[in-house]
């Protein structure tokens, strides 16, 4: 099973992403799905920015 996933990793990820996108289109509609994708991308960008700039470690540093 592991060999199959390693060989077809990007195909599996692409297929699952397309399936989830299709479910979202059918259940919530095009514009709501578009909003979900935009907000998710913005969240990922903010997360990468906080990690790269070191702000995340500053605010969430474990001081116990």
Protein backbone atom coordinates (compact mmCIF):
# COMPACT_ATOMS: atom_id res chain seq x y z
CA UNK A 1 0.00 0.00 0.00
CA UNK A 2 2.83 2.38 0.89
CA UNK A 3 4.56 1.73 -2.44
CA UNK A 4 1.36 2.52 -4.34
CA UNK A 5 0.90 5.81 -2.46
CA UNK A 6 4.52 6.82 -3.02
CA UNK A 7 4.27 6.02 -6.74
CA UNK A 8 0.93 7.78 -7.32
CA UNK A 9 1.06 10.41 -4.55
CA UNK A 10 0.28 13.47 -6.65
CA UNK A 11 -2.40 11.69 -8.65
CA UNK A 12 -4.13 10.60 -5.44
CA UNK A 13 -3.89 14.08 -3.92
CA UNK A 14 -5.17 15.67 -7.14
CA UNK A 15 -8.06 13.23 -7.38
CA UNK A 16 -9.09 13.79 -3.77
CA UNK A 17 -8.81 17.56 -4.19
CA UNK A 18 -11.01 17.44 -7.29
CA UNK A 19 -13.54 15.25 -5.49
CA UNK A 20 -13.75 17.62 -2.51
CA UNK A 21 -14.07 20.60 -4.87
CA UNK A 22 -16.89 18.88 -6.76
CA UNK A 23 -18.73 18.11 -3.51
CA UNK A 24 -18.38 21.75 -2.44
CA UNK A 25 -19.68 23.01 -5.80
CA UNK A 26 -22.70 20.74 -5.61
CA UNK A 27 -23.57 21.44 -1.98
CA UNK A 28 -22.79 25.11 -1.35
CA UNK A 29 -22.49 26.59 -4.84
CA UNK A 30 -19.80 28.24 -6.92
CA UNK A 31 -19.34 31.59 -5.16
CA UNK A 32 -19.37 30.15 -1.65
CA UNK A 33 -16.82 27.55 -2.74
CA UNK A 34 -14.72 30.30 -4.27
CA UNK A 35 -14.87 32.23 -0.99
CA UNK A 36 -13.81 29.12 0.95
CA UNK A 37 -10.82 28.65 -1.37
CA UNK A 38 -9.77 32.31 -1.14
CA UNK A 39 -10.00 32.37 2.66
CA UNK A 40 -8.12 29.07 2.92
CA UNK A 41 -5.34 30.41 0.71
CA UNK A 42 -5.19 33.60 2.80
CA UNK A 43 -4.93 31.52 5.98
CA UNK A 44 -2.11 29.44 4.52
CA UNK A 45 -0.29 32.61 3.45
CA UNK A 46 -0.64 34.18 6.92
CA UNK A 47 0.60 30.95 8.52
CA UNK A 48 3.69 30.84 6.28
CA UNK A 49 4.35 34.53 6.93
CA UNK A 50 4.13 34.11 10.71
CA UNK A 51 6.42 31.09 10.60
CA UNK A 52 8.96 32.81 8.33
CA UNK A 53 9.04 36.06 10.28
CA UNK A 54 9.25 34.36 13.68
CA UNK A 55 6.15 36.10 15.06
CA UNK A 56 4.44 32.79 15.75
CA UNK A 57 7.25 31.65 18.04
CA UNK A 58 7.20 35.00 19.83
CA UNK A 59 3.51 34.85 20.72
CA UNK A 60 3.10 31.10 21.19
CA UNK A 61 6.34 30.34 22.99
CA UNK A 62 5.83 27.83 25.80
CA UNK A 63 7.12 29.54 28.96
CA UNK A 64 6.21 26.83 31.49
